[in-house]
Amino acid sequence: MPDWNAEPSTLYIVATPIGNLADLSPRASGVLSTVTWVAAEDTRQTRKLMAHLGAGARLRSLHRGNEARTVPALVRSLRTGTSGALVSDAGTPLVSDPGRWLVEAALRAGIAVVPLPGPCAVAAALSVAGLDAARFVFEGFLPARAVARRKRVAELSGETRTWVVYEAPHRIRALAEDLKAVLELDRQVAWVREMTKRHEQVWRGTAEELDPQRIPERGEFVVVVEGAGEVAGVSDDALDAFLEPLLAAGIGVRTAAALARDCLGAAHKAAYARALALKR
């Protein structure tokens, strides 16, 4: 068996299970069992994990409210030869969780920062959503206030890559209402809750098929949304046939692209790129 003991003056960024404790890797178990201290946003959650491992490292609370005063002390500790681990409540640290200041400060101080990869809710949700995961946008948590959330969903609706958001159980139905109101009815959507846990649930369908009142308000949610089509049902030949006479008549690229969008239903970004290429 390899020796996964923590090294002195090293900060480990440790991905922890998002539900099922069996998902913790042997390497992560070894490091968490031998570091001097573990920094976590919610030490109550981390204490359960450490008890499961039988580990006795000191737990240090690190959240957005105390980073400014806590980070310098942790870095000083590392410089004296201790070892430390940064974990999130679940999944990979820094993905919509605090900790960036600690990583940056450790790097500036010449401390070795070592990643221990593992569970990540974003990657797990993408892997089962059935949508294009080759290129995606992670938005984190949307604004809590209704007006700001609806505005951001409207902005994201034009994103051509798959996009992913986190949502709390008490706001998931409101988000579903926003998606139904803003997205095209045939846009594909998936939501996942309680991943790796007993009541894990994955739903896939269209924005039209979303039924907010049937979404359980329990467990943390990851929502995956299909990107907007580059060209909404318009072939390249049809787009060229429409754009070429306009450009030949001296109509500008932007105006021609806008007309293709309004008359053909083509995505403006794609129409503009094609008009620009034809003009050249």
C-alpha atoms as a PDB file:
ATOM      1  CA  MET A   1       0.000   0.000   0.000  1.00  0.00           C
ATOM      2  CA  PRO A   2       1.339   3.493  -0.832  1.00  0.00           C
ATOM      3  CA  ASP A   3       2.102   5.831   2.039  1.00  0.00           C
ATOM      4  CA  TRP A   4      -0.406   8.669   1.814  1.00  0.00           C
ATOM      5  CA  ASN A   5       0.829  10.506   4.914  1.00  0.00           C
ATOM      6  CA  ALA A   6       0.749  14.306   4.725  1.00  0.00           C
ATOM      7  CA  GLU A   7       4.004  16.140   4.098  1.00  0.00           C
ATOM      8  CA  PRO A   8       5.107  19.075   6.306  1.00  0.00           C
ATOM      9  CA  SER A   9       4.560  22.656   5.131  1.00  0.00           C
ATOM     10  CA  THR A  10       2.004  21.501   2.594  1.00  0.00           C
ATOM     11  CA  LEU A  11      -1.573  22.587   1.992  1.00  0.00           C
ATOM     12  CA  TYR A  12      -3.789  19.869   0.531  1.00  0.00           C
ATOM     13  CA  ILE A  13      -6.974  20.762  -1.354  1.00  0.00           C
ATOM     14  CA  VAL A  14      -9.105  17.699  -0.677  1.00  0.00           C
ATOM     15  CA  ALA A  15     -12.309  16.762  -2.497  1.00  0.00           C
ATOM     16  CA  THR A  16     -14.717  15.063  -0.105  1.00  0.00           C
ATOM     17  CA  PRO A  17     -17.858  12.965  -0.731  1.00  0.00           C
ATOM     18  CA  ILE A  18     -21.021  14.750  -1.816  1.00  0.00           C
ATOM     19  CA  GLY A  19     -23.087  12.164   0.018  1.00  0.00           C
ATOM     20  CA  ASN A  20     -21.703   8.633   0.010  1.00  0.00           C
ATOM     21  CA  LEU A  21     -18.669   8.329   2.277  1.00  0.00           C
ATOM     22  CA  ALA A  22     -17.440   5.367   0.235  1.00  0.00           C
ATOM     23  CA  ASP A  23     -16.496   7.863  -2.489  1.00  0.00           C
ATOM     24  CA  LEU A  24     -13.565   9.197  -0.438  1.00  0.00           C
ATOM     25  CA  SER A  25     -10.339   8.029  -2.066  1.00  0.00           C
ATOM     26  CA  PRO A  26      -7.657   6.104  -0.110  1.00  0.00           C
ATOM     27  CA  ARG A  27      -5.223   8.952  -0.729  1.00  0.00           C
ATOM     28  CA  ALA A  28      -7.643  11.541   0.642  1.00  0.00           C
ATOM     29  CA  SER A  29      -8.316   9.317   3.661  1.00  0.00           C
ATOM     30  CA  GLY A  30      -4.610   9.021   4.359  1.00  0.00           C
ATOM     31  CA  VAL A  31      -3.952  12.736   4.103  1.00  0.00           C
ATOM     32  CA  LEU A  32      -6.952  13.750   6.222  1.00  0.00           C
ATOM     33  CA  SER A  33      -5.850  11.235   8.845  1.00  0.00           C
ATOM     34  CA  THR A  34      -2.331  12.666   9.107  1.00  0.00           C
ATOM     35  CA  VAL A  35      -2.550  16.450   8.562  1.00  0.00           C
ATOM     36  CA  THR A  36      -2.153  18.789  11.514  1.00  0.00           C
ATOM     37  CA  TRP A  37      -5.329  20.731  10.817  1.00  0.00           C
ATOM     38  CA  VAL A  38      -8.327  20.776   8.467  1.00  0.00           C
ATOM     39  CA  ALA A  39      -9.997  24.027   7.403  1.00  0.00           C
ATOM     40  CA  ALA A  40     -13.692  23.830   6.524  1.00  0.00           C
ATOM     41  CA  GLU A  41     -16.636  26.167   6.056  1.00  0.00           C
ATOM     42  CA  ASP A  42     -18.848  24.064   8.325  1.00  0.00           C
ATOM     43  CA  THR A  43     -16.787  22.175  10.893  1.00  0.00           C
ATOM     44  CA  ARG A  44     -19.894  20.298  12.050  1.00  0.00           C
ATOM     45  CA  GLN A  45     -20.146  18.576   8.675  1.00  0.00           C
ATOM     46  CA  THR A  46     -16.422  17.902   8.501  1.00  0.00           C
ATOM     47  CA  ARG A  47     -16.395  16.532  12.042  1.00  0.00           C
ATOM     48  CA  LYS A  48     -18.663  13.686  10.874  1.00  0.00           C
ATOM     49  CA  LEU A  49     -16.211  12.807   8.117  1.00  0.00           C
ATOM     50  CA  MET A  50     -13.222  12.944  10.461  1.00  0.00           C
ATOM     51  CA  ALA A  51     -15.042  10.749  12.981  1.00  0.00           C
ATOM     52  CA  HIS A  52     -15.728   8.252  10.201  1.00  0.00           C
ATOM     53  CA  LEU A  53     -11.970   8.163   9.496  1.00  0.00           C
ATOM     54  CA  GLY A  54     -11.004   8.122  13.168  1.00  0.00           C
ATOM     55  CA  ALA A  55      -8.812  11.153  12.449  1.00  0.00           C
ATOM     56  CA  GLY A  56      -7.815  13.643  15.117  1.00  0.00           C
ATOM     57  CA  ALA A  57      -6.680  16.712  13.163  1.00  0.00           C
ATOM     58  CA  ARG A  58      -7.679  20.069  14.586  1.00  0.00           C
ATOM     59  CA  LEU A  59     -10.667  21.578  12.777  1.00  0.00           C
ATOM     60  CA  ARG A  60     -10.433  25.234  11.777  1.00  0.00           C
ATOM     61  CA  SER A  61     -13.474  27.213  10.649  1.00  0.00           C
ATOM     62  CA  LEU A  62     -12.877  29.092   7.400  1.00  0.00           C
ATOM     63  CA  HIS A  63     -15.746  31.010   5.829  1.00  0.00           C
ATOM     64  CA  ARG A  64     -16.226  34.274   3.981  1.00  0.00           C
ATOM     65  CA  GLY A  65     -16.830  36.135   7.223  1.00  0.00           C
ATOM     66  CA  ASN A  66     -13.519  35.214   8.865  1.00  0.00           C
ATOM     67  CA  GLU A  67     -11.098  34.644   5.968  1.00  0.00           C
ATOM     68  CA  ALA A  68      -9.268  37.938   6.499  1.00  0.00           C
ATOM     69  CA  ARG A  69      -8.231  37.089  10.051  1.00  0.00           C
ATOM     70  CA  THR A  70      -7.986  33.292   9.778  1.00  0.00           C
ATOM     71  CA  VAL A  71      -5.904  32.893   6.605  1.00  0.00           C
ATOM     72  CA  PRO A  72      -2.731  34.624   7.924  1.00  0.00           C
ATOM     73  CA  ALA A  73      -2.694  32.367  10.997  1.00  0.00           C
ATOM     74  CA  LEU A  74      -3.078  29.240   8.880  1.00  0.00           C
ATOM     75  CA  VAL A  75      -0.265  30.290   6.546  1.00  0.00           C
ATOM     76  CA  ARG A  76       2.025  31.054   9.490  1.00  0.00           C
ATOM     77  CA  SER A  77       1.279  27.588  10.810  1.00  0.00           C
ATOM     78  CA  LEU A  78       2.222  26.002   7.471  1.00  0.00           C
ATOM     79  CA  ARG A  79       5.489  27.944   7.383  1.00  0.00           C
ATOM     80  CA  THR A  80       6.478  26.450  10.740  1.00  0.00           C
ATOM     81  CA  GLY A  81       6.226  22.931   9.306  1.00  0.00           C
ATOM     82  CA  THR A  82       2.664  21.853   9.966  1.00  0.00           C
ATOM     83  CA  SER A  83       0.467  20.359   7.258  1.00  0.00           C
ATOM     84  CA  GLY A  84      -3.082  21.392   6.505  1.00  0.00           C
ATOM     85  CA  ALA A  85      -6.069  20.419   4.385  1.00  0.00           C
ATOM     86  CA  LEU A  86      -8.792  22.574   2.919  1.00  0.00           C
ATOM     87  CA  VAL A  87     -12.148  20.854   2.396  1.00  0.00           C
ATOM     88  CA  SER A  88     -15.624  22.028   1.496  1.00  0.00           C
ATOM     89  CA  ASP A  89     -18.809  20.752   3.103  1.00  0.00           C
ATOM     90  CA  ALA A  90     -19.104  18.390   0.141  1.00  0.00           C
ATOM     91  CA  GLY A  91     -17.278  18.010  -3.155  1.00  0.00           C
ATOM     92  CA  THR A  92     -14.292  19.927  -4.486  1.00  0.00           C
ATOM     93  CA  PRO A  93     -13.149  23.037  -2.583  1.00  0.00           C
ATOM     94  CA  LEU A  94     -13.426  26.496  -4.174  1.00  0.00           C
ATOM     95  CA  VAL A  95     -16.259  25.416  -6.519  1.00  0.00           C
ATOM     96  CA  SER A  96     -18.852  27.884  -5.156  1.00  0.00           C
ATOM     97  CA  ASP A  97     -17.160  27.596  -1.745  1.00  0.00           C
ATOM     98  CA  PRO A  98     -14.713  29.809   0.171  1.00  0.00           C
ATOM     99  CA  GLY A  99     -10.996  29.083   0.277  1.00  0.00           C
ATOM    100  CA  ARG A 100      -9.477  31.081  -2.542  1.00  0.00           C
ATOM    101  CA  TRP A 101      -7.786  33.497  -0.143  1.00  0.00           C
ATOM    102  CA  LEU A 102      -6.071  30.631   1.661  1.00  0.00           C
ATOM    103  CA  VAL A 103      -4.782  29.106  -1.571  1.00  0.00           C
ATOM    104  CA  GLU A 104      -3.534  32.454  -2.873  1.00  0.00           C
ATOM    105  CA  ALA A 105      -1.834  33.337   0.426  1.00  0.00           C
ATOM    106  CA  ALA A 106      -0.165  29.927   0.644  1.00  0.00           C
ATOM    107  CA  LEU A 107       1.182  30.243  -2.896  1.00  0.00           C
ATOM    108  CA  ARG A 108       2.529  33.723  -2.208  1.00  0.00           C
ATOM    109  CA  ALA A 109       4.286  32.363   0.880  1.00  0.00           C
ATOM    110  CA  GLY A 110       5.971  29.618  -1.139  1.00  0.00           C
ATOM    111  CA  ILE A 111       3.906  26.858   0.440  1.00  0.00           C
ATOM    112  CA  ALA A 112       3.334  23.710  -1.600  1.00  0.00           C
ATOM    113  CA  VAL A 113      -0.371  23.459  -2.586  1.00  0.00           C
ATOM    114  CA  VAL A 114      -1.397  19.944  -3.629  1.00  0.00           C
ATOM    115  CA  PRO A 115      -4.788  18.963  -5.141  1.00  0.00           C
ATOM    116  CA  LEU A 116      -6.451  15.694  -4.159  1.00  0.00           C
ATOM    117  CA  PRO A 117      -9.168  15.356  -6.824  1.00  0.00           C
ATOM    118  CA  GLY A 118     -12.408  13.543  -6.262  1.00  0.00           C
ATOM    119  CA  PRO A 119     -16.171  14.152  -6.071  1.00  0.00           C
ATOM    120  CA  CYS A 120     -17.588  17.276  -7.722  1.00  0.00           C
ATOM    121  CA  ALA A 121     -21.316  17.942  -8.015  1.00  0.00           C
ATOM    122  CA  VAL A 122     -20.942  19.853 -11.284  1.00  0.00           C
ATOM    123  CA  ALA A 123     -19.071  17.037 -13.031  1.00  0.00           C
ATOM    124  CA  ALA A 124     -21.370  14.379 -11.590  1.00  0.00           C
ATOM    125  CA  ALA A 125     -24.512  16.179 -12.765  1.00  0.00           C
ATOM    126  CA  LEU A 126     -23.107  16.755 -16.250  1.00  0.00           C
ATOM    127  CA  SER A 127     -22.216  13.077 -16.536  1.00  0.00           C
ATOM    128  CA  VAL A 128     -25.846  11.970 -16.111  1.00  0.00           C
ATOM    129  CA  ALA A 129     -27.756  14.915 -17.640  1.00  0.00           C
ATOM    130  CA  GLY A 130     -27.556  13.567 -21.177  1.00  0.00           C
ATOM    131  CA  LEU A 131     -26.532  16.988 -22.535  1.00  0.00           C
ATOM    132  CA  ASP A 132     -23.373  18.202 -24.286  1.00  0.00           C
ATOM    133  CA  ALA A 133     -20.618  18.339 -21.670  1.00  0.00           C
ATOM    134  CA  ALA A 134     -17.705  19.025 -24.028  1.00  0.00           C
ATOM    135  CA  ARG A 135     -18.048  22.767 -23.369  1.00  0.00           C
ATOM    136  CA  PHE A 136     -20.081  24.164 -20.478  1.00  0.00           C
ATOM    137  CA  VAL A 137     -20.536  27.200 -18.253  1.00  0.00           C
ATOM    138  CA  PHE A 138     -20.785  26.908 -14.471  1.00  0.00           C
ATOM    139  CA  GLU A 139     -22.742  29.766 -12.919  1.00  0.00           C
ATOM    140  CA  GLY A 140     -22.755  28.656  -9.280  1.00  0.00           C
ATOM    141  CA  PHE A 141     -25.717  29.916  -7.248  1.00  0.00           C
ATOM    142  CA  LEU A 142     -28.093  32.322  -8.983  1.00  0.00           C
ATOM    143  CA  PRO A 143     -29.247  35.504  -7.182  1.00  0.00           C
ATOM    144  CA  ALA A 144     -31.687  34.792  -4.373  1.00  0.00           C
ATOM    145  CA  ARG A 145     -33.996  37.708  -5.183  1.00  0.00           C
ATOM    146  CA  ALA A 146     -36.668  36.937  -7.767  1.00  0.00           C
ATOM    147  CA  VAL A 147     -36.110  39.907 -10.106  1.00  0.00           C
ATOM    148  CA  ALA A 148     -32.339  39.478 -10.188  1.00  0.00           C
ATOM    149  CA  ARG A 149     -32.643  35.717 -10.693  1.00  0.00           C
ATOM    150  CA  ARG A 150     -35.087  36.074 -13.606  1.00  0.00           C
ATOM    151  CA  LYS A 151     -32.785  38.668 -15.198  1.00  0.00           C
ATOM    152  CA  ARG A 152     -29.768  36.352 -14.936  1.00  0.00           C
ATOM    153  CA  VAL A 153     -31.709  33.382 -16.348  1.00  0.00           C
ATOM    154  CA  ALA A 154     -32.721  35.571 -19.302  1.00  0.00           C
ATOM    155  CA  GLU A 155     -29.067  36.484 -19.866  1.00  0.00           C
ATOM    156  CA  LEU A 156     -27.979  32.843 -19.674  1.00  0.00           C
ATOM    157  CA  SER A 157     -30.722  31.740 -22.067  1.00  0.00           C
ATOM    158  CA  GLY A 158     -28.655  32.984 -25.000  1.00  0.00           C
ATOM    159  CA  GLU A 159     -25.554  31.026 -23.949  1.00  0.00           C
ATOM    160  CA  THR A 160     -24.749  28.447 -26.632  1.00  0.00           C
ATOM    161  CA  ARG A 161     -22.858  26.145 -24.269  1.00  0.00           C
ATOM    162  CA  THR A 162     -24.553  23.887 -21.734  1.00  0.00           C
ATOM    163  CA  TRP A 163     -24.890  25.767 -18.460  1.00  0.00           C
ATOM    164  CA  VAL A 164     -25.023  24.541 -14.882  1.00  0.00           C
ATOM    165  CA  VAL A 165     -26.304  26.175 -11.698  1.00  0.00           C
ATOM    166  CA  TYR A 166     -26.685  25.195  -8.061  1.00  0.00           C
ATOM    167  CA  GLU A 167     -29.958  25.861  -6.270  1.00  0.00           C
ATOM    168  CA  ALA A 168     -31.222  25.503  -2.724  1.00  0.00           C
ATOM    169  CA  PRO A 169     -34.319  23.384  -2.041  1.00  0.00           C
ATOM    170  CA  HIS A 170     -36.459  26.329  -0.935  1.00  0.00           C
ATOM    171  CA  ARG A 171     -35.802  28.177  -4.242  1.00  0.00           C
ATOM    172  CA  ILE A 172     -35.864  25.331  -6.742  1.00  0.00           C
ATOM    173  CA  ARG A 173     -39.539  25.737  -7.664  1.00  0.00           C
ATOM    174  CA  ALA A 174     -39.104  29.462  -8.281  1.00  0.00           C
ATOM    175  CA  LEU A 175     -36.127  28.713 -10.541  1.00  0.00           C
ATOM    176  CA  ALA A 176     -38.186  26.143 -12.451  1.00  0.00           C
ATOM    177  CA  GLU A 177     -40.896  28.792 -13.009  1.00  0.00           C
ATOM    178  CA  ASP A 178     -38.245  31.163 -14.360  1.00  0.00           C
ATOM    179  CA  LEU A 179     -36.914  28.510 -16.747  1.00  0.00           C
ATOM    180  CA  LYS A 180     -40.408  27.801 -18.069  1.00  0.00           C
ATOM    181  CA  ALA A 181     -41.030  31.514 -18.578  1.00  0.00           C
ATOM    182  CA  VAL A 182     -37.737  32.370 -20.274  1.00  0.00           C
ATOM    183  CA  LEU A 183     -36.532  29.320 -22.225  1.00  0.00           C
ATOM    184  CA  GLU A 184     -37.861  27.946 -25.506  1.00  0.00           C
ATOM    185  CA  LEU A 185     -40.386  25.217 -24.717  1.00  0.00           C
ATOM    186  CA  ASP A 186     -38.256  22.500 -26.341  1.00  0.00           C
ATOM    187  CA  ARG A 187     -35.007  23.445 -24.546  1.00  0.00           C
ATOM    188  CA  GLN A 188     -33.663  20.405 -22.698  1.00  0.00           C
ATOM    189  CA  VAL A 189     -33.276  20.661 -18.923  1.00  0.00           C
ATOM    190  CA  ALA A 190     -32.093  18.244 -16.236  1.00  0.00           C
ATOM    191  CA  TRP A 191     -32.018  18.539 -12.489  1.00  0.00           C
ATOM    192  CA  VAL A 192     -30.296  16.275 -10.012  1.00  0.00           C
ATOM    193  CA  ARG A 193     -30.745  16.144  -6.267  1.00  0.00           C
ATOM    194  CA  GLU A 194     -29.310  14.121  -3.389  1.00  0.00           C
ATOM    195  CA  MET A 195     -26.526  12.762  -5.599  1.00  0.00           C
ATOM    196  CA  THR A 196     -24.871   9.553  -4.311  1.00  0.00           C
ATOM    197  CA  LYS A 197     -27.400   9.388  -1.447  1.00  0.00           C
ATOM    198  CA  ARG A 198     -30.282   6.995  -0.861  1.00  0.00           C
ATOM    199  CA  HIS A 199     -32.902   9.291  -2.366  1.00  0.00           C
ATOM    200  CA  GLU A 200     -30.871  10.377  -5.392  1.00  0.00           C
ATOM    201  CA  GLN A 201     -33.114  11.613  -8.188  1.00  0.00           C
ATOM    202  CA  VAL A 202     -32.427  12.700 -11.774  1.00  0.00           C
ATOM    203  CA  TRP A 203     -35.088  14.365 -13.915  1.00  0.00           C
ATOM    204  CA  ARG A 204     -34.690  15.062 -17.631  1.00  0.00           C
ATOM    205  CA  GLY A 205     -37.107  16.753 -19.994  1.00  0.00           C
ATOM    206  CA  THR A 206     -37.956  19.990 -21.779  1.00  0.00           C
ATOM    207  CA  ALA A 207     -38.655  23.387 -20.285  1.00  0.00           C
ATOM    208  CA  GLU A 208     -42.312  22.845 -21.217  1.00  0.00           C
ATOM    209  CA  GLU A 209     -42.390  19.584 -19.256  1.00  0.00           C
ATOM    210  CA  LEU A 210     -40.995  21.133 -16.080  1.00  0.00           C
ATOM    211  CA  ASP A 211     -43.616  20.964 -13.335  1.00  0.00           C
ATOM    212  CA  PRO A 212     -42.386  23.168 -10.466  1.00  0.00           C
ATOM    213  CA  GLN A 213     -44.977  21.892  -8.012  1.00  0.00           C
ATOM    214  CA  ARG A 214     -43.817  18.301  -8.459  1.00  0.00           C
ATOM    215  CA  ILE A 215     -40.166  19.033  -7.672  1.00  0.00           C
ATOM    216  CA  PRO A 216     -39.397  17.896  -4.099  1.00  0.00           C
ATOM    217  CA  GLU A 217     -38.144  20.754  -1.947  1.00  0.00           C
ATOM    218  CA  ARG A 218     -35.546  18.534  -0.303  1.00  0.00           C
ATOM    219  CA  GLY A 219     -31.821  18.196  -0.893  1.00  0.00           C
ATOM    220  CA  GLU A 220     -29.389  20.417  -2.767  1.00  0.00           C
ATOM    221  CA  PHE A 221     -30.010  20.705  -6.522  1.00  0.00           C
ATOM    222  CA  VAL A 222     -27.781  20.903  -9.564  1.00  0.00           C
ATOM    223  CA  VAL A 223     -29.629  22.148 -12.657  1.00  0.00           C
ATOM    224  CA  VAL A 224     -28.225  21.561 -16.162  1.00  0.00           C
ATOM    225  CA  VAL A 225     -29.639  23.475 -19.147  1.00  0.00           C
ATOM    226  CA  GLU A 226     -29.048  22.866 -22.842  1.00  0.00           C
ATOM    227  CA  GLY A 227     -27.311  25.737 -24.623  1.00  0.00           C
ATOM    228  CA  ALA A 228     -29.077  27.854 -27.215  1.00  0.00           C
ATOM    229  CA  GLY A 229     -28.766  26.502 -30.748  1.00  0.00           C
ATOM    230  CA  GLU A 230     -26.167  28.167 -32.951  1.00  0.00           C
ATOM    231  CA  VAL A 231     -28.659  28.147 -35.802  1.00  0.00           C
ATOM    232  CA  ALA A 232     -32.250  27.376 -34.915  1.00  0.00           C
ATOM    233  CA  GLY A 233     -33.242  24.975 -37.675  1.00  0.00           C
ATOM    234  CA  VAL A 234     -31.627  27.052 -40.460  1.00  0.00           C
ATOM    235  CA  SER A 235     -29.175  25.282 -42.773  1.00  0.00           C
ATOM    236  CA  ASP A 236     -25.938  26.916 -43.890  1.00  0.00           C
ATOM    237  CA  ASP A 237     -27.174  26.945 -47.488  1.00  0.00           C
ATOM    238  CA  ALA A 238     -30.413  28.688 -46.540  1.00  0.00           C
ATOM    239  CA  LEU A 239     -28.527  31.215 -44.436  1.00  0.00           C
ATOM    240  CA  ASP A 240     -26.091  31.950 -47.290  1.00  0.00           C
ATOM    241  CA  ALA A 241     -28.896  32.287 -49.809  1.00  0.00           C
ATOM    242  CA  PHE A 242     -30.585  34.841 -47.566  1.00  0.00           C
ATOM    243  CA  LEU A 243     -27.461  36.830 -46.652  1.00  0.00           C
ATOM    244  CA  GLU A 244     -25.643  37.018 -49.997  1.00  0.00           C
ATOM    245  CA  PRO A 245     -28.170  39.269 -51.831  1.00  0.00           C
ATOM    246  CA  LEU A 246     -28.371  41.591 -48.823  1.00  0.00           C
ATOM    247  CA  LEU A 247     -24.618  41.970 -48.610  1.00  0.00           C
ATOM    248  CA  ALA A 248     -24.340  42.405 -52.397  1.00  0.00           C
ATOM    249  CA  ALA A 249     -26.860  45.235 -52.145  1.00  0.00           C
ATOM    250  CA  GLY A 250     -24.622  47.043 -49.677  1.00  0.00           C
ATOM    251  CA  ILE A 251     -26.497  46.206 -46.485  1.00  0.00           C
ATOM    252  CA  GLY A 252     -24.149  46.062 -43.510  1.00  0.00           C
ATOM    253  CA  VAL A 253     -23.143  42.849 -41.773  1.00  0.00           C
ATOM    254  CA  ARG A 254     -24.923  43.670 -38.512  1.00  0.00           C
ATOM    255  CA  THR A 255     -28.155  44.619 -40.264  1.00  0.00           C
ATOM    256  CA  ALA A 256     -28.060  41.532 -42.481  1.00  0.00           C
ATOM    257  CA  ALA A 257     -27.503  39.290 -39.440  1.00  0.00           C
ATOM    258  CA  ALA A 258     -30.403  40.942 -37.613  1.00  0.00           C
ATOM    259  CA  LEU A 259     -32.663  40.377 -40.604  1.00  0.00           C
ATOM    260  CA  ALA A 260     -31.643  36.705 -40.757  1.00  0.00           C
ATOM    261  CA  ARG A 261     -32.503  36.401 -37.099  1.00  0.00           C
ATOM    262  CA  ASP A 262     -35.907  38.062 -37.479  1.00  0.00           C
ATOM    263  CA  CYS A 263     -36.931  36.505 -40.800  1.00  0.00           C
ATOM    264  CA  LEU A 264     -35.390  33.023 -40.612  1.00  0.00           C
ATOM    265  CA  GLY A 265     -35.214  32.455 -36.869  1.00  0.00           C
ATOM    266  CA  ALA A 266     -31.426  32.031 -37.061  1.00  0.00           C
ATOM    267  CA  ALA A 267     -29.318  32.635 -33.958  1.00  0.00           C
ATOM    268  CA  HIS A 268     -27.936  36.170 -34.226  1.00  0.00           C
ATOM    269  CA  LYS A 269     -24.405  35.142 -33.228  1.00  0.00           C
ATOM    270  CA  ALA A 270     -24.245  32.476 -35.936  1.00  0.00           C
ATOM    271  CA  ALA A 271     -25.850  34.739 -38.567  1.00  0.00           C
ATOM    272  CA  TYR A 272     -23.393  37.529 -37.811  1.00  0.00           C
ATOM    273  CA  ALA A 273     -20.394  35.191 -38.054  1.00  0.00           C
ATOM    274  CA  ARG A 274     -21.635  33.838 -41.391  1.00  0.00           C
ATOM    275  CA  ALA A 275     -22.375  37.308 -42.791  1.00  0.00           C
ATOM    276  CA  LEU A 276     -18.923  38.487 -41.769  1.00  0.00           C
ATOM    277  CA  ALA A 277     -17.309  35.487 -43.491  1.00  0.00           C
ATOM    278  CA  LEU A 278     -19.313  36.095 -46.689  1.00  0.00           C
ATOM    279  CA  LYS A 279     -18.457  39.790 -46.673  1.00  0.00           C
ATOM    280  CA  ARG A 280     -14.754  38.984 -46.471  1.00  0.00           C
END
